[in-house]
C-alpha atoms as a PDB file:
ATOM      1  CA  MET A   1     139.940 161.490  92.738  1.00  0.00           C
ATOM      2  CA  PHE A   2     137.443 163.218  90.823  1.00  0.00           C
ATOM      3  CA  MET A   3     136.781 161.059  87.270  1.00  0.00           C
ATOM      4  CA  LYS A   4     134.587 161.891  83.975  1.00  0.00           C
ATOM      5  CA  LEU A   5     133.813 159.590  81.449  1.00  0.00           C
ATOM      6  CA  TRP A   6     135.110 159.116  78.112  1.00  0.00           C
ATOM      7  CA  ASN A   7     135.260 162.825  76.218  1.00  0.00           C
ATOM      8  CA  LYS A   8     137.185 165.015  73.823  1.00  0.00           C
ATOM      9  CA  ASN A   9     139.869 166.014  76.535  1.00  0.00           C
ATOM     10  CA  HIS A  10     140.601 162.479  76.797  1.00  0.00           C
ATOM     11  CA  GLU A  11     141.710 161.781  72.991  1.00  0.00           C
ATOM     12  CA  ARG A  12     143.435 165.129  73.290  1.00  0.00           C
ATOM     13  CA  LEU A  13     145.106 163.654  76.291  1.00  0.00           C
ATOM     14  CA  PHE A  14     145.636 160.361  74.269  1.00  0.00           C
ATOM     15  CA  PHE A  15     147.558 162.608  71.740  1.00  0.00           C
ATOM     16  CA  ASN A  16     149.365 165.060  73.507  1.00  0.00           C
ATOM     17  CA  ARG A  17     151.255 162.376  75.040  1.00  0.00           C
ATOM     18  CA  CYS A  18     151.688 159.821  72.498  1.00  0.00           C
ATOM     19  CA  ARG A  19     153.396 163.091  70.688  1.00  0.00           C
ATOM     20  CA  ASN A  20     156.350 162.645  73.203  1.00  0.00           C
ATOM     21  CA  PHE A  21     157.252 159.727  72.249  1.00  0.00           C
ATOM     22  CA  ALA A  22     155.703 159.141  68.541  1.00  0.00           C
ATOM     23  CA  SER A  23     155.725 161.183  65.271  1.00  0.00           C
ATOM     24  CA  PRO A  24     153.373 162.849  64.252  1.00  0.00           C
ATOM     25  CA  GLU A  25     153.211 159.842  60.812  1.00  0.00           C
ATOM     26  CA  GLN A  26     152.476 157.405  63.473  1.00  0.00           C
ATOM     27  CA  LEU A  27     149.572 158.936  65.126  1.00  0.00           C
ATOM     28  CA  PHE A  28     147.501 160.671  62.117  1.00  0.00           C
ATOM     29  CA  ASN A  29     147.029 160.445  58.636  1.00  0.00           C
ATOM     30  CA  GLN A  30     148.722 163.177  56.440  1.00  0.00           C
ATOM     31  CA  THR A  31     147.072 164.208  53.313  1.00  0.00           C
ATOM     32  CA  GLU A  32     148.426 165.074  50.009  1.00  0.00           C
ATOM     33  CA  ASP A  33     149.000 169.228  51.315  1.00  0.00           C
ATOM     34  CA  GLY A  34     150.615 168.217  54.053  1.00  0.00           C
ATOM     35  CA  ARG A  35     147.858 168.058  56.622  1.00  0.00           C
ATOM     36  CA  PHE A  36     148.124 165.880  59.890  1.00  0.00           C
ATOM     37  CA  LEU A  37     144.413 164.097  60.437  1.00  0.00           C
ATOM     38  CA  ALA A  38     143.554 161.685  62.467  1.00  0.00           C
ATOM     39  CA  TYR A  39     140.602 159.932  60.334  1.00  0.00           C
ATOM     40  CA  TRP A  40     140.281 160.758  56.507  1.00  0.00           C
ATOM     41  CA  PRO A  41     137.436 163.133  56.372  1.00  0.00           C
ATOM     42  CA  LYS A  42     134.560 161.947  54.193  1.00  0.00           C
ATOM     43  CA  SER A  43     134.870 164.932  51.899  1.00  0.00           C
ATOM     44  CA  TYR A  44     138.727 164.306  51.331  1.00  0.00           C
ATOM     45  CA  ARG A  45     139.506 162.925  47.558  1.00  0.00           C
ATOM     46  CA  GLY A  46     143.284 162.780  47.601  1.00  0.00           C
ATOM     47  CA  ARG A  47     145.631 159.729  48.227  1.00  0.00           C
ATOM     48  CA  LYS A  48     144.794 158.175  51.113  1.00  0.00           C
ATOM     49  CA  THR A  49     147.398 155.300  53.077  1.00  0.00           C
ATOM     50  CA  THR A  50     146.309 152.741  56.333  1.00  0.00           C
ATOM     51  CA  LEU A  51     147.282 154.225  59.517  1.00  0.00           C
ATOM     52  CA  GLN A  52     147.801 151.331  62.094  1.00  0.00           C
ATOM     53  CA  SER A  53     150.835 152.444  64.210  1.00  0.00           C
ATOM     54  CA  ARG A  54     148.166 154.395  66.728  1.00  0.00           C
ATOM     55  CA  ASN A  55     145.773 151.053  67.205  1.00  0.00           C
ATOM     56  CA  SER A  56     148.232 149.930  69.981  1.00  0.00           C
ATOM     57  CA  LEU A  57     149.296 153.145  71.058  1.00  0.00           C
ATOM     58  CA  ILE A  58     145.166 153.815  71.578  1.00  0.00           C
ATOM     59  CA  GLY A  59     144.305 150.617  73.064  1.00  0.00           C
ATOM     60  CA  LYS A  60     147.227 150.569  75.923  1.00  0.00           C
ATOM     61  CA  PHE A  61     146.287 154.553  76.927  1.00  0.00           C
ATOM     62  CA  SER A  62     142.140 153.217  76.339  1.00  0.00           C
ATOM     63  CA  GLU A  63     143.028 149.819  78.711  1.00  0.00           C
ATOM     64  CA  LYS A  64     145.128 151.799  81.540  1.00  0.00           C
ATOM     65  CA  TRP A  65     141.750 154.386  81.468  1.00  0.00           C
ATOM     66  CA  VAL A  66     139.066 151.665  82.052  1.00  0.00           C
ATOM     67  CA  ALA A  67     141.203 150.460  84.938  1.00  0.00           C
ATOM     68  CA  ASP A  68     141.689 153.642  86.288  1.00  0.00           C
ATOM     69  CA  LEU A  69     137.773 154.068  86.271  1.00  0.00           C
ATOM     70  CA  PHE A  70     136.899 150.748  87.835  1.00  0.00           C
ATOM     71  CA  ARG A  71     139.666 151.544  90.490  1.00  0.00           C
ATOM     72  CA  HIS A  72     137.722 154.707  91.447  1.00  0.00           C
ATOM     73  CA  ILE A  73     134.580 153.264  91.078  1.00  0.00           C
ATOM     74  CA  THR A  74     135.257 150.118  93.391  1.00  0.00           C
ATOM     75  CA  GLN A  75     138.065 151.837  95.836  1.00  0.00           C
ATOM     76  CA  ASP A  76     135.661 151.304  99.050  1.00  0.00           C
ATOM     77  CA  LYS A  77     135.183 147.108  98.250  1.00  0.00           C
ATOM     78  CA  ASN A  78     138.450 145.678  98.814  1.00  0.00           C
ATOM     79  CA  LEU A  79     138.608 144.492  95.300  1.00  0.00           C
ATOM     80  CA  PHE A  80     141.754 145.094  92.815  1.00  0.00           C
ATOM     81  CA  VAL A  81     141.658 145.972  88.840  1.00  0.00           C
ATOM     82  CA  VAL A  82     143.879 144.293  87.243  1.00  0.00           C
ATOM     83  CA  GLN A  83     145.519 145.043  83.529  1.00  0.00           C
ATOM     84  CA  GLN A  84     146.253 141.785  81.373  1.00  0.00           C
ATOM     85  CA  ALA A  85     145.060 139.255  83.780  1.00  0.00           C
ATOM     86  CA  GLN A  86     145.490 135.279  83.305  1.00  0.00           C
ATOM     87  CA  ILE A  87     143.169 133.103  84.234  1.00  0.00           C
ATOM     88  CA  PRO A  88     144.320 129.464  83.260  1.00  0.00           C
ATOM     89  CA  SER A  89     141.420 127.734  84.053  1.00  0.00           C
ATOM     90  CA  ILE A  90     138.884 129.341  81.853  1.00  0.00           C
ATOM     91  CA  GLY A  91     141.076 129.390  79.276  1.00  0.00           C
ATOM     92  CA  ILE A  92     142.578 132.792  79.507  1.00  0.00           C
ATOM     93  CA  GLY A  93     146.442 132.982  79.308  1.00  0.00           C
ATOM     94  CA  TYR A  94     149.414 134.871  78.230  1.00  0.00           C
ATOM     95  CA  ASN A  95     148.658 134.423  74.818  1.00  0.00           C
ATOM     96  CA  SER A  96     145.389 136.232  75.189  1.00  0.00           C
ATOM     97  CA  PRO A  97     144.689 137.771  78.547  1.00  0.00           C
ATOM     98  CA  ALA A  98     141.784 139.909  80.176  1.00  0.00           C
ATOM     99  CA  ASP A  99     142.270 143.388  79.212  1.00  0.00           C
ATOM    100  CA  VAL A 100     141.007 144.674  82.791  1.00  0.00           C
ATOM    101  CA  VAL A 101     139.567 142.661  85.369  1.00  0.00           C
ATOM    102  CA  ILE A 102     138.025 143.131  89.063  1.00  0.00           C
ATOM    103  CA  ALA A 103     138.882 140.876  91.398  1.00  0.00           C
ATOM    104  CA  THR A 104     139.593 139.559  95.167  1.00  0.00           C
ATOM    105  CA  ARG A 105     143.318 139.424  94.677  1.00  0.00           C
ATOM    106  CA  ASN A 106     146.164 141.611  93.314  1.00  0.00           C
ATOM    107  CA  LYS A 107     147.707 139.228  91.293  1.00  0.00           C
ATOM    108  CA  LYS A 108     148.636 138.770  87.149  1.00  0.00           C
ATOM    109  CA  VAL A 109     147.398 134.806  87.579  1.00  0.00           C
ATOM    110  CA  LEU A 110     144.326 134.419  88.904  1.00  0.00           C
ATOM    111  CA  ARG A 111     141.864 131.487  90.005  1.00  0.00           C
ATOM    112  CA  ALA A 112     138.240 131.683  88.392  1.00  0.00           C
ATOM    113  CA  ASP A 113     136.758 132.111  92.026  1.00  0.00           C
ATOM    114  CA  ASP A 114     139.087 134.883  92.187  1.00  0.00           C
ATOM    115  CA  VAL A 115     137.059 137.085  89.436  1.00  0.00           C
ATOM    116  CA  LYS A 116     134.247 139.572  89.906  1.00  0.00           C
ATOM    117  CA  ILE A 117     134.043 140.459  86.356  1.00  0.00           C
ATOM    118  CA  ILE A 118     136.030 140.547  83.314  1.00  0.00           C
ATOM    119  CA  PHE A 119     135.828 143.864  80.533  1.00  0.00           C
ATOM    120  CA  GLU A 120     137.133 143.526  77.115  1.00  0.00           C
ATOM    121  CA  VAL A 121     138.024 146.783  75.809  1.00  0.00           C
ATOM    122  CA  LYS A 122     136.876 148.138  72.590  1.00  0.00           C
ATOM    123  CA  MET A 123     137.901 151.735  72.384  1.00  0.00           C
ATOM    124  CA  SER A 124     139.189 154.187  69.624  1.00  0.00           C
ATOM    125  CA  ILE A 125     139.763 157.641  68.714  1.00  0.00           C
ATOM    126  CA  VAL A 126     135.956 159.074  67.842  1.00  0.00           C
ATOM    127  CA  TRP A 127     136.279 162.414  66.834  1.00  0.00           C
ATOM    128  CA  ASN A 128     138.730 163.769  63.956  1.00  0.00           C
ATOM    129  CA  TRP A 129     141.222 165.604  64.854  1.00  0.00           C
ATOM    130  CA  ILE A 130     143.916 168.131  62.757  1.00  0.00           C
ATOM    131  CA  TYR A 131     147.572 168.260  64.444  1.00  0.00           C
ATOM    132  CA  ASP A 132     149.530 171.671  63.055  1.00  0.00           C
ATOM    133  CA  ILE A 133     152.956 170.602  63.420  1.00  0.00           C
ATOM    134  CA  ASP A 134     154.454 173.821  62.925  1.00  0.00           C
ATOM    135  CA  SER A 135     152.685 175.421  65.870  1.00  0.00           C
ATOM    136  CA  ASP A 136     152.283 172.169  67.712  1.00  0.00           C
ATOM    137  CA  SER A 137     147.951 172.527  68.435  1.00  0.00           C
ATOM    138  CA  LEU A 138     145.723 169.839  67.975  1.00  0.00           C
ATOM    139  CA  THR A 139     142.325 171.004  67.473  1.00  0.00           C
ATOM    140  CA  GLU A 140     139.060 168.872  67.233  1.00  0.00           C
ATOM    141  CA  ILE A 141     137.283 168.955  63.614  1.00  0.00           C
ATOM    142  CA  GLY A 142     134.547 166.370  63.365  1.00  0.00           C
ATOM    143  CA  ASP A 143     133.013 163.535  64.906  1.00  0.00           C
ATOM    144  CA  TYR A 144     132.345 160.556  64.117  1.00  0.00           C
ATOM    145  CA  ARG A 145     129.714 161.092  61.344  1.00  0.00           C
ATOM    146  CA  THR A 146     132.184 163.551  59.745  1.00  0.00           C
ATOM    147  CA  HIS A 147     134.920 161.062  59.162  1.00  0.00           C
ATOM    148  CA  LYS A 148     135.470 157.688  57.202  1.00  0.00           C
ATOM    149  CA  GLY A 149     136.743 156.104  60.174  1.00  0.00           C
ATOM    150  CA  LYS A 150     134.537 153.222  62.225  1.00  0.00           C
ATOM    151  CA  PRO A 151     135.228 153.954  66.146  1.00  0.00           C
ATOM    152  CA  SER A 152     134.771 151.401  68.489  1.00  0.00           C
ATOM    153  CA  PHE A 153     131.511 149.792  68.859  1.00  0.00           C
ATOM    154  CA  THR A 154     130.838 151.232  64.697  1.00  0.00           C
ATOM    155  CA  ARG A 155     133.488 148.790  63.871  1.00  0.00           C
ATOM    156  CA  SER A 156     132.018 145.924  62.771  1.00  0.00           C
ATOM    157  CA  ASP A 157     135.036 143.568  63.261  1.00  0.00           C
ATOM    158  CA  SER A 158     136.131 144.462  66.492  1.00  0.00           C
ATOM    159  CA  ILE A 159     132.688 143.501  67.772  1.00  0.00           C
ATOM    160  CA  LEU A 160     132.696 140.274  66.195  1.00  0.00           C
ATOM    161  CA  LYS A 161     135.918 139.816  67.982  1.00  0.00           C
ATOM    162  CA  ALA A 162     135.310 140.774  71.395  1.00  0.00           C
ATOM    163  CA  ILE A 163     131.882 138.484  70.652  1.00  0.00           C
ATOM    164  CA  GLY A 164     134.102 135.262  69.460  1.00  0.00           C
ATOM    165  CA  LYS A 165     136.592 135.714  72.678  1.00  0.00           C
ATOM    166  CA  CYS A 166     133.864 136.393  74.852  1.00  0.00           C
ATOM    167  CA  ILE A 167     132.168 132.997  73.682  1.00  0.00           C
ATOM    168  CA  ASP A 168     135.484 131.160  74.259  1.00  0.00           C
ATOM    169  CA  ILE A 169     135.689 131.824  77.789  1.00  0.00           C
ATOM    170  CA  ARG A 170     132.032 131.281  78.412  1.00  0.00           C
ATOM    171  CA  VAL A 171     132.135 127.740  76.555  1.00  0.00           C
ATOM    172  CA  SER A 172     135.823 127.119  78.020  1.00  0.00           C
ATOM    173  CA  SER A 173     134.996 125.736  81.692  1.00  0.00           C
ATOM    174  CA  ILE A 174     131.679 125.706  84.103  1.00  0.00           C
ATOM    175  CA  ASP A 175     134.340 127.757  85.982  1.00  0.00           C
ATOM    176  CA  ALA A 176     133.446 130.726  84.134  1.00  0.00           C
ATOM    177  CA  SER A 177     129.518 130.426  84.321  1.00  0.00           C
ATOM    178  CA  LYS A 178     129.514 132.953  87.086  1.00  0.00           C
ATOM    179  CA  ILE A 179     132.238 135.422  85.724  1.00  0.00           C
ATOM    180  CA  PRO A 180     129.587 138.344  84.236  1.00  0.00           C
ATOM    181  CA  LEU A 181     131.501 139.487  80.725  1.00  0.00           C
ATOM    182  CA  VAL A 182     130.641 142.985  79.286  1.00  0.00           C
ATOM    183  CA  VAL A 183     132.405 144.616  76.481  1.00  0.00           C
ATOM    184  CA  ILE A 184     133.823 148.225  76.858  1.00  0.00           C
ATOM    185  CA  GLY A 185     133.347 150.734  74.154  1.00  0.00           C
ATOM    186  CA  ASN A 186     133.133 154.367  73.669  1.00  0.00           C
ATOM    187  CA  ALA A 187     130.751 154.871  70.602  1.00  0.00           C
ATOM    188  CA  PRO A 188     127.418 153.503  69.449  1.00  0.00           C
ATOM    189  CA  LEU A 189     126.282 150.094  68.906  1.00  0.00           C
ATOM    190  CA  SER A 190     124.402 149.726  65.083  1.00  0.00           C
ATOM    191  CA  ASN A 191     121.503 148.453  64.744  1.00  0.00           C
ATOM    192  CA  GLY A 192     121.802 145.242  63.387  1.00  0.00           C
ATOM    193  CA  PHE A 193     124.266 144.575  66.484  1.00  0.00           C
ATOM    194  CA  CYS A 194     121.695 145.672  69.063  1.00  0.00           C
ATOM    195  CA  LYS A 195     119.648 142.912  68.072  1.00  0.00           C
ATOM    196  CA  LYS A 196     122.929 140.309  68.888  1.00  0.00           C
ATOM    197  CA  ALA A 197     123.961 142.399  71.971  1.00  0.00           C
ATOM    198  CA  ASP A 198     120.379 141.611  73.363  1.00  0.00           C
ATOM    199  CA  TYR A 199     120.562 138.114  72.313  1.00  0.00           C
ATOM    200  CA  LEU A 200     123.522 137.467  73.782  1.00  0.00           C
ATOM    201  CA  LYS A 201     122.885 139.005  77.227  1.00  0.00           C
ATOM    202  CA  ASN A 202     119.432 137.439  77.288  1.00  0.00           C
ATOM    203  CA  ALA A 203     121.390 134.302  76.328  1.00  0.00           C
ATOM    204  CA  GLY A 204     123.557 134.716  79.572  1.00  0.00           C
ATOM    205  CA  ILE A 205     126.739 134.478  77.232  1.00  0.00           C
ATOM    206  CA  ILE A 206     127.479 138.319  77.633  1.00  0.00           C
ATOM    207  CA  GLN A 207     126.038 140.669  80.173  1.00  0.00           C
ATOM    208  CA  GLY A 208     126.286 144.044  78.347  1.00  0.00           C
ATOM    209  CA  PHE A 209     128.692 146.539  75.435  1.00  0.00           C
ATOM    210  CA  TRP A 210     129.106 149.465  77.504  1.00  0.00           C
ATOM    211  CA  SER A 211     129.593 152.759  75.965  1.00  0.00           C
ATOM    212  CA  LEU A 212     131.472 154.700  77.906  1.00  0.00           C
ATOM    213  CA  ASN A 213     130.700 158.218  76.106  1.00  0.00           C
ATOM    214  CA  PRO A 214     127.966 160.094  77.076  1.00  0.00           C
ATOM    215  CA  TYR A 215     127.998 162.599  74.328  1.00  0.00           C
ATOM    216  CA  PRO A 216     130.025 161.089  71.260  1.00  0.00           C
ATOM    217  CA  LEU A 217     128.301 163.554  68.822  1.00  0.00           C
ATOM    218  CA  ASN A 218     129.108 166.878  68.586  1.00  0.00           C
ATOM    219  CA  HIS A 219     124.939 167.872  68.016  1.00  0.00           C
ATOM    220  CA  GLY A 220     122.354 165.343  68.667  1.00  0.00           C
ATOM    221  CA  ASN A 221     122.839 162.716  71.190  1.00  0.00           C
ATOM    222  CA  THR A 222     122.762 158.918  70.586  1.00  0.00           C
ATOM    223  CA  ARG A 223     120.666 155.449  71.235  1.00  0.00           C
ATOM    224  CA  LYS A 224     120.687 155.340  75.255  1.00  0.00           C
ATOM    225  CA  SER A 225     120.151 151.249  74.968  1.00  0.00           C
ATOM    226  CA  SER A 226     119.115 148.548  73.531  1.00  0.00           C
ATOM    227  CA  HIS A 227     115.500 147.092  73.783  1.00  0.00           C
ATOM    228  CA  ASP A 228     116.800 144.602  76.436  1.00  0.00           C
ATOM    229  CA  GLY A 229     119.616 146.451  77.861  1.00  0.00           C
ATOM    230  CA  GLY A 230     122.266 144.209  75.800  1.00  0.00           C
ATOM    231  CA  TYR A 231     124.054 147.781  74.873  1.00  0.00           C
ATOM    232  CA  MET A 232     124.007 150.417  77.127  1.00  0.00           C
ATOM    233  CA  ARG A 233     125.327 154.268  76.993  1.00  0.00           C
ATOM    234  CA  PHE A 234     126.405 155.406  80.395  1.00  0.00           C
ATOM    235  CA  ASP A 235     125.941 159.380  81.106  1.00  0.00           C
ATOM    236  CA  ASP A 236     127.395 159.714  84.533  1.00  0.00           C
ATOM    237  CA  ILE A 237     130.260 157.552  86.820  1.00  0.00           C
ATOM    238  CA  SER A 238     126.982 156.856  89.577  1.00  0.00           C
ATOM    239  CA  GLU A 239     125.227 155.284  86.771  1.00  0.00           C
ATOM    240  CA  LEU A 240     127.907 152.803  85.492  1.00  0.00           C
ATOM    241  CA  LYS A 241     128.744 152.556  89.188  1.00  0.00           C
ATOM    242  CA  ASP A 242     124.963 150.874  89.541  1.00  0.00           C
ATOM    243  CA  SER A 243     125.699 148.507  86.743  1.00  0.00           C
ATOM    244  CA  VAL A 244     128.817 147.383  88.670  1.00  0.00           C
ATOM    245  CA  GLU A 245     126.997 147.174  91.576  1.00  0.00           C
ATOM    246  CA  GLU A 246     124.317 144.744  90.024  1.00  0.00           C
ATOM    247  CA  LEU A 247     126.483 142.387  88.443  1.00  0.00           C
ATOM    248  CA  PHE A 248     128.040 141.940  92.085  1.00  0.00           C
ATOM    249  CA  VAL A 249     124.747 141.053  94.040  1.00  0.00           C
ATOM    250  CA  ASN A 250     123.474 139.134  91.327  1.00  0.00           C
ATOM    251  CA  ASP A 251     124.348 135.426  91.471  1.00  0.00           C
ATOM    252  CA  LEU A 252     124.778 135.115  88.244  1.00  0.00           C
ATOM    253  CA  ASN A 253     124.670 131.839  86.680  1.00  0.00           C
ATOM    254  CA  PHE A 254     125.323 131.043  82.801  1.00  0.00           C
ATOM    255  CA  PHE A 255     123.874 127.337  81.613  1.00  0.00           C
ATOM    256  CA  SER A 256     123.185 126.005  78.330  1.00  0.00           C
ATOM    257  CA  GLY A 257     122.183 122.938  76.260  1.00  0.00           C
ATOM    258  CA  MET A 258     120.620 121.083  73.634  1.00  0.00           C
ATOM    259  CA  LYS A 259     118.216 118.198  75.338  1.00  0.00           C
ATOM    260  CA  SER A 260     115.199 117.134  74.261  1.00  0.00           C
ATOM    261  CA  PRO A 261     112.087 118.037  76.140  1.00  0.00           C
ATOM    262  CA  GLU A 262     111.872 114.402  77.779  1.00  0.00           C
ATOM    263  CA  GLN A 263     115.123 115.493  79.110  1.00  0.00           C
ATOM    264  CA  LEU A 264     114.216 118.811  80.160  1.00  0.00           C
ATOM    265  CA  GLY A 265     111.187 117.101  81.789  1.00  0.00           C
ATOM    266  CA  LYS A 266     113.060 115.025  83.998  1.00  0.00           C
ATOM    267  CA  ILE A 267     115.514 117.787  84.552  1.00  0.00           C
ATOM    268  CA  ILE A 268     112.776 119.618  85.947  1.00  0.00           C
ATOM    269  CA  GLU A 269     110.961 117.048  87.824  1.00  0.00           C
ATOM    270  CA  ILE A 270     114.551 116.252  89.663  1.00  0.00           C
ATOM    271  CA  ALA A 271     115.477 119.777  90.223  1.00  0.00           C
ATOM    272  CA  ASP A 272     111.565 120.206  91.960  1.00  0.00           C
ATOM    273  CA  ASN A 273     112.601 118.397  94.758  1.00  0.00           C
ATOM    274  CA  GLU A 274     114.796 120.499  96.244  1.00  0.00           C
ATOM    275  CA  LEU A 275     113.355 122.423  98.955  1.00  0.00           C
ATOM    276  CA  THR A 276     114.157 126.384  98.193  1.00  0.00           C
ATOM    277  CA  TYR A 277     113.997 128.211  95.071  1.00  0.00           C
ATOM    278  CA  GLN A 278     117.855 129.131  95.504  1.00  0.00           C
ATOM    279  CA  GLU A 279     118.112 125.115  95.738  1.00  0.00           C
ATOM    280  CA  LYS A 280     115.916 124.066  92.969  1.00  0.00           C
ATOM    281  CA  GLY A 281     117.751 126.887  90.694  1.00  0.00           C
ATOM    282  CA  MET A 282     121.414 125.468  91.804  1.00  0.00           C
ATOM    283  CA  LYS A 283     120.387 121.499  91.054  1.00  0.00           C
ATOM    284  CA  PHE A 284     118.929 122.543  87.795  1.00  0.00           C
ATOM    285  CA  ILE A 285     122.128 124.039  86.884  1.00  0.00           C
ATOM    286  CA  LYS A 286     124.261 121.280  87.460  1.00  0.00           C
ATOM    287  CA  LEU A 287     121.918 118.868  85.801  1.00  0.00           C
ATOM    288  CA  ILE A 288     122.007 120.942  82.658  1.00  0.00           C
ATOM    289  CA  ASN A 289     125.721 120.887  82.986  1.00  0.00           C
ATOM    290  CA  GLY A 290     125.925 117.731  83.103  1.00  0.00           C
ATOM    291  CA  SER A 291     127.582 117.969  86.828  1.00  0.00           C
END
């Protein structure tokens, strides 16, 4: 099956599928003159209401799309992609499951050592659309620069929520120390959050904020990556596959602590007694984590 990264066709498909069971009022904002719009245009001066009913629908649609995409990428690896996975040993339970997980077992409830990567999905409608109820037609009328909505990574509260969940996972247990955490979106990350994304990646907390929308603007282009790669925009499937492969092959280990220089010196001295670099590294990680 041939798959493409996020584009206008996926948003058109979302609206077309949802119109089979959801009303226009649940999917679109209705203007004073009776038009149905995905977002309020920046030029709109009429009465506005807040549309909440679409959020869960696009959340479910985009989560499944992400899961299908990673199934396509990992189909030759004897791995499984699980939606809404529970990993009790690292604090991921029924009330707050992992959106999408790549794992070695096809189970809803997993052990930490079953999990290869955890993806937190923060995707949304990016372009603005107008729905003509008479002709039952959908037309794109502008990218995210033309409307008042804050899609995906441009929404600060969505980013902060993803960061909070990833930190909670990372510090929950030493069992989470080897699992890469990646936040998936479909819009660019702002300048301020790019610096934060780089810090989080360099600190080992989150391995990346990945936008799977190569061309979110109708004219012009957006940032390809932040300075240290904490944020990345993928332009094709092969790029994405390479980055997933890199997470698979790198034996990552998260470590953190507040130690005095004397304590660190002792840990380094003890670790240096090991024979190989790998053994020295593992000894250091165990000592810094207090195990």
